[in-house]
Amino acid sequence: MIESPQAMLAQAEDNNETAHTRQHREELNNHPEVQAQITELLRKHYRQWPQEKLPALNSKTPLQIIKNQNWPGNGRSPAAGLN
Protein backbone atom coordinates (compact mmCIF):
# COMPACT_ATOMS: atom_id res chain seq x y z
CA MET A 1 0.00 0.00 0.00
CA ILE A 2 1.29 3.42 -0.92
CA GLU A 3 0.58 6.24 1.52
CA SER A 4 0.84 9.96 1.10
CA PRO A 5 3.65 11.74 2.95
CA GLN A 6 1.04 13.48 5.08
CA ALA A 7 -0.49 10.15 6.14
CA MET A 8 2.94 8.76 6.95
CA LEU A 9 3.76 11.81 9.07
CA ALA A 10 0.47 11.55 10.93
CA GLN A 11 1.09 7.87 11.57
CA ALA A 12 4.62 8.61 12.78
CA GLU A 13 3.27 11.20 15.20
CA ASP A 14 0.70 8.68 16.42
CA ASN A 15 3.52 6.20 16.99
CA ASN A 16 5.42 8.79 19.06
CA GLU A 17 8.33 9.00 16.66
CA THR A 18 11.07 11.03 18.28
CA ALA A 19 12.37 14.22 16.73
CA HIS A 20 15.80 12.60 16.47
CA THR A 21 14.43 9.60 14.54
CA ARG A 22 12.41 11.86 12.24
CA GLN A 23 15.45 14.05 11.55
CA HIS A 24 17.60 10.99 10.83
CA ARG A 25 14.99 9.63 8.38
CA GLU A 26 14.73 12.98 6.60
CA GLU A 27 18.52 13.23 6.30
CA LEU A 28 18.67 9.74 4.79
CA ASN A 29 15.88 10.53 2.35
CA ASN A 30 17.79 13.60 1.13
CA HIS A 31 20.73 11.51 -0.12
CA PRO A 32 20.69 11.03 -3.91
CA GLU A 33 21.64 7.37 -3.48
CA VAL A 34 18.62 6.73 -1.27
CA GLN A 35 16.33 8.60 -3.63
CA ALA A 36 17.66 6.58 -6.57
CA GLN A 37 17.11 3.30 -4.74
CA ILE A 38 13.56 4.24 -3.75
CA THR A 39 12.82 5.28 -7.34
CA GLU A 40 14.12 1.95 -8.65
CA LEU A 41 12.09 -0.02 -6.10
CA LEU A 42 8.94 1.81 -7.16
CA ARG A 43 9.69 1.26 -10.86
CA LYS A 44 10.22 -2.45 -10.22
CA HIS A 45 6.97 -2.68 -8.27
CA TYR A 46 4.91 -1.02 -10.99
CA ARG A 47 6.56 -3.11 -13.73
CA GLN A 48 5.74 -6.35 -11.89
CA TRP A 49 2.32 -5.43 -10.56
CA PRO A 50 0.34 -6.39 -13.69
CA GLN A 51 1.67 -9.96 -13.38
CA GLU A 52 0.72 -10.39 -9.69
CA LYS A 53 -2.34 -12.45 -8.79
CA LEU A 54 -4.71 -10.35 -6.70
CA PRO A 55 -7.43 -11.64 -4.36
CA ALA A 56 -9.73 -8.80 -5.49
CA LEU A 57 -9.52 -10.20 -9.02
CA ASN A 58 -10.34 -13.78 -7.96
CA SER A 59 -6.62 -14.61 -7.86
CA LYS A 60 -6.11 -13.51 -11.44
CA THR A 61 -3.56 -10.97 -12.63
CA PRO A 62 -4.64 -7.58 -14.01
CA LEU A 63 -3.27 -8.69 -17.39
CA GLN A 64 -5.42 -11.82 -17.34
CA ILE A 65 -8.48 -9.72 -16.59
CA ILE A 66 -7.79 -7.34 -19.45
CA LYS A 67 -7.25 -10.20 -21.91
CA ASN A 68 -10.48 -11.94 -20.87
CA GLN A 69 -13.19 -9.48 -21.85
CA ASN A 70 -15.96 -11.74 -20.52
CA TRP A 71 -14.77 -11.66 -16.92
CA PRO A 72 -16.61 -11.65 -14.53
CA GLY A 73 -19.41 -12.57 -16.93
CA ASN A 74 -22.86 -11.29 -17.82
CA GLY A 75 -21.43 -9.10 -20.58
CA ARG A 76 -19.95 -6.63 -18.10
CA SER A 77 -16.58 -5.01 -18.45
CA PRO A 78 -13.63 -6.64 -16.63
CA ALA A 79 -13.65 -3.83 -14.04
CA ALA A 80 -17.35 -4.22 -13.24
CA GLY A 81 -16.65 -6.74 -10.49
CA LEU A 82 -14.34 -4.42 -8.60
CA ASN A 83 -17.04 -2.42 -6.80
C-alpha atoms as a PDB file:
ATOM      1  CA  MET A   1       0.000   0.000   0.000  1.00  0.00           C
ATOM      2  CA  ILE A   2       1.290   3.422  -0.920  1.00  0.00           C
ATOM      3  CA  GLU A   3       0.583   6.237   1.522  1.00  0.00           C
ATOM      4  CA  SER A   4       0.843   9.961   1.103  1.00  0.00           C
ATOM      5  CA  PRO A   5       3.647  11.736   2.946  1.00  0.00           C
ATOM      6  CA  GLN A   6       1.036  13.484   5.084  1.00  0.00           C
ATOM      7  CA  ALA A   7      -0.489  10.148   6.137  1.00  0.00           C
ATOM      8  CA  MET A   8       2.944   8.763   6.947  1.00  0.00           C
ATOM      9  CA  LEU A   9       3.762  11.815   9.066  1.00  0.00           C
ATOM     10  CA  ALA A  10       0.470  11.551  10.926  1.00  0.00           C
ATOM     11  CA  GLN A  11       1.092   7.868  11.574  1.00  0.00           C
ATOM     12  CA  ALA A  12       4.615   8.610  12.780  1.00  0.00           C
ATOM     13  CA  GLU A  13       3.266  11.197  15.202  1.00  0.00           C
ATOM     14  CA  ASP A  14       0.701   8.683  16.416  1.00  0.00           C
ATOM     15  CA  ASN A  15       3.516   6.201  16.988  1.00  0.00           C
ATOM     16  CA  ASN A  16       5.420   8.786  19.058  1.00  0.00           C
ATOM     17  CA  GLU A  17       8.332   8.997  16.657  1.00  0.00           C
ATOM     18  CA  THR A  18      11.073  11.029  18.282  1.00  0.00           C
ATOM     19  CA  ALA A  19      12.373  14.218  16.728  1.00  0.00           C
ATOM     20  CA  HIS A  20      15.804  12.604  16.465  1.00  0.00           C
ATOM     21  CA  THR A  21      14.432   9.604  14.536  1.00  0.00           C
ATOM     22  CA  ARG A  22      12.405  11.857  12.241  1.00  0.00           C
ATOM     23  CA  GLN A  23      15.446  14.049  11.552  1.00  0.00           C
ATOM     24  CA  HIS A  24      17.604  10.993  10.827  1.00  0.00           C
ATOM     25  CA  ARG A  25      14.992   9.630   8.377  1.00  0.00           C
ATOM     26  CA  GLU A  26      14.729  12.984   6.604  1.00  0.00           C
ATOM     27  CA  GLU A  27      18.519  13.226   6.304  1.00  0.00           C
ATOM     28  CA  LEU A  28      18.670   9.745   4.791  1.00  0.00           C
ATOM     29  CA  ASN A  29      15.878  10.534   2.345  1.00  0.00           C
ATOM     30  CA  ASN A  30      17.788  13.595   1.127  1.00  0.00           C
ATOM     31  CA  HIS A  31      20.727  11.507  -0.123  1.00  0.00           C
ATOM     32  CA  PRO A  32      20.689  11.029  -3.909  1.00  0.00           C
ATOM     33  CA  GLU A  33      21.644   7.369  -3.479  1.00  0.00           C
ATOM     34  CA  VAL A  34      18.625   6.725  -1.268  1.00  0.00           C
ATOM     35  CA  GLN A  35      16.327   8.602  -3.632  1.00  0.00           C
ATOM     36  CA  ALA A  36      17.655   6.579  -6.572  1.00  0.00           C
ATOM     37  CA  GLN A  37      17.110   3.298  -4.744  1.00  0.00           C
ATOM     38  CA  ILE A  38      13.560   4.239  -3.748  1.00  0.00           C
ATOM     39  CA  THR A  39      12.823   5.276  -7.336  1.00  0.00           C
ATOM     40  CA  GLU A  40      14.125   1.953  -8.650  1.00  0.00           C
ATOM     41  CA  LEU A  41      12.093  -0.021  -6.103  1.00  0.00           C
ATOM     42  CA  LEU A  42       8.936   1.814  -7.164  1.00  0.00           C
ATOM     43  CA  ARG A  43       9.689   1.259 -10.858  1.00  0.00           C
ATOM     44  CA  LYS A  44      10.216  -2.452 -10.219  1.00  0.00           C
ATOM     45  CA  HIS A  45       6.967  -2.677  -8.267  1.00  0.00           C
ATOM     46  CA  TYR A  46       4.909  -1.020 -10.989  1.00  0.00           C
ATOM     47  CA  ARG A  47       6.560  -3.108 -13.727  1.00  0.00           C
ATOM     48  CA  GLN A  48       5.744  -6.347 -11.889  1.00  0.00           C
ATOM     49  CA  TRP A  49       2.319  -5.428 -10.559  1.00  0.00           C
ATOM     50  CA  PRO A  50       0.337  -6.386 -13.692  1.00  0.00           C
ATOM     51  CA  GLN A  51       1.670  -9.961 -13.379  1.00  0.00           C
ATOM     52  CA  GLU A  52       0.721 -10.389  -9.692  1.00  0.00           C
ATOM     53  CA  LYS A  53      -2.345 -12.450  -8.792  1.00  0.00           C
ATOM     54  CA  LEU A  54      -4.708 -10.351  -6.696  1.00  0.00           C
ATOM     55  CA  PRO A  55      -7.428 -11.643  -4.364  1.00  0.00           C
ATOM     56  CA  ALA A  56      -9.725  -8.803  -5.485  1.00  0.00           C
ATOM     57  CA  LEU A  57      -9.521 -10.202  -9.023  1.00  0.00           C
ATOM     58  CA  ASN A  58     -10.343 -13.775  -7.961  1.00  0.00           C
ATOM     59  CA  SER A  59      -6.622 -14.607  -7.862  1.00  0.00           C
ATOM     60  CA  LYS A  60      -6.105 -13.509 -11.443  1.00  0.00           C
ATOM     61  CA  THR A  61      -3.563 -10.971 -12.635  1.00  0.00           C
ATOM     62  CA  PRO A  62      -4.636  -7.581 -14.008  1.00  0.00           C
ATOM     63  CA  LEU A  63      -3.275  -8.690 -17.393  1.00  0.00           C
ATOM     64  CA  GLN A  64      -5.423 -11.824 -17.336  1.00  0.00           C
ATOM     65  CA  ILE A  65      -8.477  -9.724 -16.590  1.00  0.00           C
ATOM     66  CA  ILE A  66      -7.791  -7.338 -19.450  1.00  0.00           C
ATOM     67  CA  LYS A  67      -7.249 -10.204 -21.911  1.00  0.00           C
ATOM     68  CA  ASN A  68     -10.484 -11.942 -20.868  1.00  0.00           C
ATOM     69  CA  GLN A  69     -13.187  -9.478 -21.850  1.00  0.00           C
ATOM     70  CA  ASN A  70     -15.959 -11.737 -20.519  1.00  0.00           C
ATOM     71  CA  TRP A  71     -14.769 -11.659 -16.917  1.00  0.00           C
ATOM     72  CA  PRO A  72     -16.610 -11.646 -14.528  1.00  0.00           C
ATOM     73  CA  GLY A  73     -19.412 -12.573 -16.931  1.00  0.00           C
ATOM     74  CA  ASN A  74     -22.856 -11.289 -17.823  1.00  0.00           C
ATOM     75  CA  GLY A  75     -21.429  -9.096 -20.579  1.00  0.00           C
ATOM     76  CA  ARG A  76     -19.948  -6.631 -18.103  1.00  0.00           C
ATOM     77  CA  SER A  77     -16.583  -5.007 -18.446  1.00  0.00           C
ATOM     78  CA  PRO A  78     -13.633  -6.637 -16.627  1.00  0.00           C
ATOM     79  CA  ALA A  79     -13.652  -3.832 -14.036  1.00  0.00           C
ATOM     80  CA  ALA A  80     -17.351  -4.223 -13.242  1.00  0.00           C
ATOM     81  CA  GLY A  81     -16.655  -6.744 -10.493  1.00  0.00           C
ATOM     82  CA  LEU A  82     -14.337  -4.417  -8.604  1.00  0.00           C
ATOM     83  CA  ASN A  83     -17.035  -2.421  -6.797  1.00  0.00           C
END
